C-alpha atoms as a PDB file:
ATOM      1  CA  MET A   1      71.047 174.383  34.652  1.00  0.00           C
ATOM      2  CA  GLN A   2      72.153 173.943  37.892  1.00  0.00           C
ATOM      3  CA  CYS A   3      75.206 172.431  39.072  1.00  0.00           C
ATOM      4  CA  SER A   4      75.710 170.693  42.153  1.00  0.00           C
ATOM      5  CA  LYS A   5      78.908 170.725  43.804  1.00  0.00           C
ATOM      6  CA  LYS A   6      79.890 167.566  45.390  1.00  0.00           C
ATOM      7  CA  GLN A   7      82.013 167.969  48.818  1.00  0.00           C
ATOM      8  CA  ASN A   8      84.608 165.465  49.435  1.00  0.00           C
ATOM      9  CA  SER A   9      84.328 164.726  53.426  1.00  0.00           C
ATOM     10  CA  VAL A  10      87.097 163.052  54.975  1.00  0.00           C
ATOM     11  CA  TYR A  11      86.531 161.164  58.270  1.00  0.00           C
ATOM     12  CA  GLY A  12      89.506 160.562  60.426  1.00  0.00           C
ATOM     13  CA  PHE A  13      90.669 160.655  64.166  1.00  0.00           C
ATOM     14  CA  THR A  14      92.318 163.685  65.527  1.00  0.00           C
ATOM     15  CA  LEU A  15      95.557 163.252  67.812  1.00  0.00           C
ATOM     16  CA  VAL A  16      93.441 163.819  71.079  1.00  0.00           C
ATOM     17  CA  GLU A  17      90.931 161.131  70.147  1.00  0.00           C
ATOM     18  CA  VAL A  18      93.648 158.464  69.234  1.00  0.00           C
ATOM     19  CA  LEU A  19      95.654 159.319  72.482  1.00  0.00           C
ATOM     20  CA  ILE A  20      92.414 159.068  74.558  1.00  0.00           C
ATOM     21  CA  ALA A  21      91.692 155.697  72.884  1.00  0.00           C
ATOM     22  CA  SER A  22      95.003 154.373  73.404  1.00  0.00           C
ATOM     23  CA  ALA A  23      94.873 155.249  76.938  1.00  0.00           C
ATOM     24  CA  ILE A  24      91.624 153.508  77.360  1.00  0.00           C
ATOM     25  CA  SER A  25      93.120 150.780  75.674  1.00  0.00           C
ATOM     26  CA  ILE A  26      96.198 150.618  78.029  1.00  0.00           C
ATOM     27  CA  VAL A  27      94.345 151.066  81.371  1.00  0.00           C
ATOM     28  CA  THR A  28      91.871 147.808  80.005  1.00  0.00           C
ATOM     29  CA  ILE A  29      94.870 145.921  79.292  1.00  0.00           C
ATOM     30  CA  GLY A  30      96.507 146.674  82.390  1.00  0.00           C
ATOM     31  CA  LEU A  31      93.423 145.938  84.180  1.00  0.00           C
ATOM     32  CA  MET A  32      92.827 142.406  82.736  1.00  0.00           C
ATOM     33  CA  LEU A  33      96.791 141.712  82.958  1.00  0.00           C
ATOM     34  CA  GLY A  34      96.640 142.485  86.578  1.00  0.00           C
ATOM     35  CA  ILE A  35      93.524 140.209  87.265  1.00  0.00           C
ATOM     36  CA  TYR A  36      95.468 137.497  85.494  1.00  0.00           C
ATOM     37  CA  MET A  37      98.164 138.075  87.569  1.00  0.00           C
ATOM     38  CA  ALA A  38      96.077 137.919  90.965  1.00  0.00           C
ATOM     39  CA  GLY A  39      94.130 135.271  89.929  1.00  0.00           C
ATOM     40  CA  ASN A  40      97.524 133.087  88.710  1.00  0.00           C
ATOM     41  CA  ASP A  41      99.411 134.057  92.142  1.00  0.00           C
ATOM     42  CA  PHE A  42      95.877 133.062  93.980  1.00  0.00           C
ATOM     43  CA  TRP A  43      96.111 129.508  91.982  1.00  0.00           C
ATOM     44  CA  GLU A  44      99.649 129.000  92.651  1.00  0.00           C
ATOM     45  CA  ILE A  45      99.192 129.656  96.514  1.00  0.00           C
ATOM     46  CA  LYS A  46      96.359 127.011  96.858  1.00  0.00           C
ATOM     47  CA  LYS A  47      98.385 124.370  94.798  1.00  0.00           C
ATOM     48  CA  SER A  48     101.266 125.001  97.089  1.00  0.00           C
ATOM     49  CA  GLN A  49      99.031 124.646 100.091  1.00  0.00           C
ATOM     50  CA  ALA A  50      97.630 121.582  98.903  1.00  0.00           C
ATOM     51  CA  GLU A  51     100.979 120.019  97.943  1.00  0.00           C
ATOM     52  CA  LEU A  52     102.334 121.002 101.831  1.00  0.00           C
ATOM     53  CA  GLN A  53      99.050 119.568 103.354  1.00  0.00           C
ATOM     54  CA  ALA A  54      99.235 116.333 101.199  1.00  0.00           C
ATOM     55  CA  GLN A  55     103.065 115.822 101.812  1.00  0.00           C
ATOM     56  CA  ALA A  56     101.988 116.444 105.849  1.00  0.00           C
ATOM     57  CA  ARG A  57      99.158 114.098 105.803  1.00  0.00           C
ATOM     58  CA  ILE A  58     101.357 111.194 104.410  1.00  0.00           C
ATOM     59  CA  ALA A  59     103.874 111.637 107.187  1.00  0.00           C
ATOM     60  CA  LEU A  60     101.348 111.744 109.809  1.00  0.00           C
ATOM     61  CA  ASP A  61      99.840 108.865 108.084  1.00  0.00           C
ATOM     62  CA  GLN A  62     102.983 106.912 108.162  1.00  0.00           C
ATOM     63  CA  MET A  63     103.844 107.889 111.701  1.00  0.00           C
ATOM     64  CA  SER A  64     100.377 107.210 113.015  1.00  0.00           C
ATOM     65  CA  SER A  65     100.552 103.797 111.484  1.00  0.00           C
ATOM     66  CA  GLU A  66     103.549 102.902 113.287  1.00  0.00           C
ATOM     67  CA  LEU A  67     103.287 104.589 116.846  1.00  0.00           C
ATOM     68  CA  LYS A  68      99.835 103.040 117.216  1.00  0.00           C
ATOM     69  CA  ARG A  69     101.705  99.503 117.911  1.00  0.00           C
ATOM     70  CA  THR A  70     104.140 101.126 119.969  1.00  0.00           C
ATOM     71  CA  THR A  71     103.855 101.552 123.936  1.00  0.00           C
ATOM     72  CA  ARG A  72     104.557 103.862 127.108  1.00  0.00           C
ATOM     73  CA  THR A  73     103.690 101.357 129.708  1.00  0.00           C
ATOM     74  CA  SER A  74     105.779  98.099 129.655  1.00  0.00           C
ATOM     75  CA  THR A  75     107.865  97.233 132.280  1.00  0.00           C
ATOM     76  CA  GLN A  76     110.080  94.788 130.056  1.00  0.00           C
ATOM     77  CA  ASN A  77     113.729  95.542 130.477  1.00  0.00           C
ATOM     78  CA  PRO A  78     115.305  96.725 128.320  1.00  0.00           C
ATOM     79  CA  SER A  79     112.197  98.937 128.185  1.00  0.00           C
ATOM     80  CA  PRO A  80     110.690  99.257 124.590  1.00  0.00           C
ATOM     81  CA  ASN A  81     108.835 102.454 125.729  1.00  0.00           C
ATOM     82  CA  LEU A  82     108.397 105.452 123.669  1.00  0.00           C
ATOM     83  CA  ASP A  83     110.959 107.926 124.037  1.00  0.00           C
ATOM     84  CA  ILE A  84     110.398 111.834 123.961  1.00  0.00           C
ATOM     85  CA  PRO A  85     112.931 114.403 124.920  1.00  0.00           C
ATOM     86  CA  SER A  86     111.333 116.958 127.238  1.00  0.00           C
ATOM     87  CA  GLN A  87     110.640 120.462 125.808  1.00  0.00           C
ATOM     88  CA  PRO A  88     111.892 122.376 124.169  1.00  0.00           C
ATOM     89  CA  ASN A  89     114.026 119.458 122.520  1.00  0.00           C
ATOM     90  CA  ASN A  90     110.866 117.324 121.701  1.00  0.00           C
ATOM     91  CA  LYS A  91     111.766 117.191 118.208  1.00  0.00           C
ATOM     92  CA  ASN A  92     112.755 113.798 118.226  1.00  0.00           C
ATOM     93  CA  ILE A  93     111.451 110.414 119.236  1.00  0.00           C
ATOM     94  CA  ASP A  94     112.432 106.844 119.816  1.00  0.00           C
ATOM     95  CA  PHE A  95     110.413 103.641 120.138  1.00  0.00           C
ATOM     96  CA  CYS A  96     110.294 100.020 119.238  1.00  0.00           C
ATOM     97  CA  LEU A  97     107.580  97.919 117.453  1.00  0.00           C
ATOM     98  CA  PRO A  98     106.352  94.312 118.427  1.00  0.00           C
ATOM     99  CA  ALA A  99     107.981  91.443 117.046  1.00  0.00           C
ATOM    100  CA  ASP A 100     108.131  87.794 117.012  1.00  0.00           C
ATOM    101  CA  ASN A 101     111.273  87.151 119.054  1.00  0.00           C
ATOM    102  CA  ASP A 102     110.482  83.574 119.783  1.00  0.00           C
ATOM    103  CA  GLY A 103     109.583  82.403 116.055  1.00  0.00           C
ATOM    104  CA  ASP A 104     106.265  80.933 117.159  1.00  0.00           C
ATOM    105  CA  GLY A 105     104.454  83.278 114.685  1.00  0.00           C
ATOM    106  CA  LEU A 106     102.953  85.525 117.559  1.00  0.00           C
ATOM    107  CA  ILE A 107     103.829  89.007 119.095  1.00  0.00           C
ATOM    108  CA  THR A 108     103.331  87.602 122.169  1.00  0.00           C
ATOM    109  CA  ASP A 109     105.395  85.262 124.546  1.00  0.00           C
ATOM    110  CA  ALA A 110     104.087  82.164 126.702  1.00  0.00           C
ATOM    111  CA  ALA A 111     102.933  84.358 129.511  1.00  0.00           C
ATOM    112  CA  GLY A 112     100.630  86.415 126.841  1.00  0.00           C
ATOM    113  CA  ASN A 113     103.209  89.607 127.254  1.00  0.00           C
ATOM    114  CA  ILE A 114     103.937  91.486 123.903  1.00  0.00           C
ATOM    115  CA  GLU A 115     107.557  90.533 122.582  1.00  0.00           C
ATOM    116  CA  TRP A 116     109.287  93.822 121.797  1.00  0.00           C
ATOM    117  CA  ASP A 117     111.996  94.445 119.031  1.00  0.00           C
ATOM    118  CA  THR A 118     114.351  96.104 121.481  1.00  0.00           C
ATOM    119  CA  ASN A 119     117.225  95.551 118.915  1.00  0.00           C
ATOM    120  CA  SER A 120     116.062  97.938 115.989  1.00  0.00           C
ATOM    121  CA  ILE A 121     115.039 101.297 117.733  1.00  0.00           C
ATOM    122  CA  ILE A 122     113.092 103.534 115.087  1.00  0.00           C
ATOM    123  CA  LYS A 123     113.579 107.012 115.599  1.00  0.00           C
ATOM    124  CA  TYR A 124     112.063 109.887 113.977  1.00  0.00           C
ATOM    125  CA  GLN A 125     114.263 113.027 113.861  1.00  0.00           C
ATOM    126  CA  TYR A 126     113.906 116.612 112.844  1.00  0.00           C
ATOM    127  CA  ILE A 127     117.271 118.103 110.797  1.00  0.00           C
ATOM    128  CA  PRO A 128     116.479 121.644 110.752  1.00  0.00           C
ATOM    129  CA  GLY A 129     119.438 122.638 108.411  1.00  0.00           C
ATOM    130  CA  GLN A 130     117.940 120.249 105.761  1.00  0.00           C
ATOM    131  CA  LYS A 131     114.279 121.202 106.814  1.00  0.00           C
ATOM    132  CA  GLU A 132     113.456 117.459 106.801  1.00  0.00           C
ATOM    133  CA  LEU A 133     111.894 114.950 108.996  1.00  0.00           C
ATOM    134  CA  ARG A 134     113.640 111.545 108.751  1.00  0.00           C
ATOM    135  CA  ARG A 135     112.874 107.963 109.814  1.00  0.00           C
ATOM    136  CA  LEU A 136     116.162 106.234 111.005  1.00  0.00           C
ATOM    137  CA  GLU A 137     116.220 102.354 111.729  1.00  0.00           C
ATOM    138  CA  ASN A 138     119.445 100.304 111.742  1.00  0.00           C
ATOM    139  CA  GLY A 139     121.674 102.684 110.096  1.00  0.00           C
ATOM    140  CA  ASN A 140     118.897 103.093 107.205  1.00  0.00           C
ATOM    141  CA  SER A 141     117.293 106.592 106.487  1.00  0.00           C
ATOM    142  CA  ARG A 142     114.007 107.431 104.812  1.00  0.00           C
ATOM    143  CA  ILE A 143     112.644 110.967 104.550  1.00  0.00           C
ATOM    144  CA  LEU A 144     109.080 111.255 105.861  1.00  0.00           C
ATOM    145  CA  ALA A 145     108.650 114.867 104.689  1.00  0.00           C
ATOM    146  CA  ALA A 146     110.988 117.741 103.338  1.00  0.00           C
ATOM    147  CA  ASP A 147     110.098 121.496 103.741  1.00  0.00           C
ATOM    148  CA  VAL A 148     109.436 121.121 107.481  1.00  0.00           C
ATOM    149  CA  SER A 149     109.985 124.039 109.407  1.00  0.00           C
ATOM    150  CA  ASP A 150     109.101 122.651 112.956  1.00  0.00           C
ATOM    151  CA  VAL A 151     107.915 119.085 114.337  1.00  0.00           C
ATOM    152  CA  GLU A 152     107.036 118.584 118.025  1.00  0.00           C
ATOM    153  CA  PHE A 153     106.142 115.408 119.481  1.00  0.00           C
ATOM    154  CA  ILE A 154     104.141 115.893 122.714  1.00  0.00           C
ATOM    155  CA  ASP A 155     103.279 113.447 125.548  1.00  0.00           C
ATOM    156  CA  ALA A 156     101.686 113.518 128.841  1.00  0.00           C
ATOM    157  CA  ASN A 157     104.927 114.225 130.605  1.00  0.00           C
ATOM    158  CA  ILE A 158     104.744 117.459 128.384  1.00  0.00           C
ATOM    159  CA  ASP A 159     101.184 118.489 128.182  1.00  0.00           C
ATOM    160  CA  SER A 160      99.082 116.905 131.217  1.00  0.00           C
ATOM    161  CA  GLN A 161      95.743 117.264 129.026  1.00  0.00           C
ATOM    162  CA  LEU A 162      97.057 113.811 127.209  1.00  0.00           C
ATOM    163  CA  ALA A 163      96.321 110.226 128.887  1.00  0.00           C
ATOM    164  CA  LEU A 164      99.658 108.511 129.271  1.00  0.00           C
ATOM    165  CA  THR A 165      98.843 106.185 126.241  1.00  0.00           C
ATOM    166  CA  GLU A 166      98.153 109.349 123.899  1.00  0.00           C
ATOM    167  CA  LEU A 167     100.805 111.268 121.669  1.00  0.00           C
ATOM    168  CA  ARG A 168     100.441 114.704 119.726  1.00  0.00           C
ATOM    169  CA  ILE A 169     102.225 115.285 116.683  1.00  0.00           C
ATOM    170  CA  ASN A 170     102.359 119.111 115.498  1.00  0.00           C
ATOM    171  CA  LEU A 171     103.916 118.972 111.876  1.00  0.00           C
ATOM    172  CA  THR A 172     104.616 122.180 110.092  1.00  0.00           C
ATOM    173  CA  LEU A 173     105.799 122.688 106.599  1.00  0.00           C
ATOM    174  CA  SER A 174     106.596 125.642 104.684  1.00  0.00           C
ATOM    175  CA  ALA A 175     107.759 126.670 101.078  1.00  0.00           C
ATOM    176  CA  ASP A 176     107.666 129.572  99.018  1.00  0.00           C
ATOM    177  CA  THR A 177     106.100 129.874  95.762  1.00  0.00           C
ATOM    178  CA  SER A 178     107.937 130.993  92.379  1.00  0.00           C
ATOM    179  CA  ARG A 179     106.597 134.462  92.768  1.00  0.00           C
ATOM    180  CA  LYS A 180     108.520 134.343  96.704  1.00  0.00           C
ATOM    181  CA  ARG A 181     105.189 134.069  98.584  1.00  0.00           C
ATOM    182  CA  ALA A 182     105.582 132.243 101.807  1.00  0.00           C
ATOM    183  CA  ILE A 183     103.421 128.932 102.145  1.00  0.00           C
ATOM    184  CA  THR A 184     103.081 127.622 105.766  1.00  0.00           C
ATOM    185  CA  THR A 185     100.676 124.421 106.836  1.00  0.00           C
ATOM    186  CA  THR A 186     100.493 123.008 110.214  1.00  0.00           C
ATOM    187  CA  LEU A 187      98.868 119.605 110.526  1.00  0.00           C
ATOM    188  CA  SER A 188      98.072 118.033 114.149  1.00  0.00           C
ATOM    189  CA  SER A 189      97.324 114.434 115.013  1.00  0.00           C
ATOM    190  CA  THR A 190      96.676 112.643 118.355  1.00  0.00           C
ATOM    191  CA  ILE A 191      97.701 109.042 118.379  1.00  0.00           C
ATOM    192  CA  GLN A 192      96.429 106.276 120.722  1.00  0.00           C
ATOM    193  CA  LEU A 193      99.277 103.924 121.577  1.00  0.00           C
ATOM    194  CA  ARG A 194      99.168 100.007 122.026  1.00  0.00           C
ATOM    195  CA  ASN A 195      98.998 100.344 125.729  1.00  0.00           C
END
């Protein structure tokens, strides 16, 4: 009678195999985490840029809407003409809007001239310390844009390429993401004034 001897085999991992598997796992997890962080950072940058661009567009649209109704060529005294300080101080602008001064329901007088509300001067003012562009009128102040790092109001006196009835606004907004990445966006708009 032949006896067969049963062998007991124990399968396991050696210390070297465990260390190699752990190292591969750590590298893989590190790569995945790095890709996730880079994607998250990219998403946050794009989101912040979109928010700044939207804020700049809204401010430019509001200013354009009002400035299209103002003038540079009136001979009226006191003059309602748009007023921009020369460079390098062209960060503010003063202007008047048409108004029904004689109460006839029209913004023109009997001679057909535009009536201007010279008692209510509107001012767009850049306040660098607060990073704000404000609209001031009769003691009331409203923020047009926050996170403003620069604004320029440019007319034909500053840029000879512009017509007398044109005004260009360059608006730059800057902010930092939560990971301290600096984001900057600059938008420009050229506005055709009333006359």
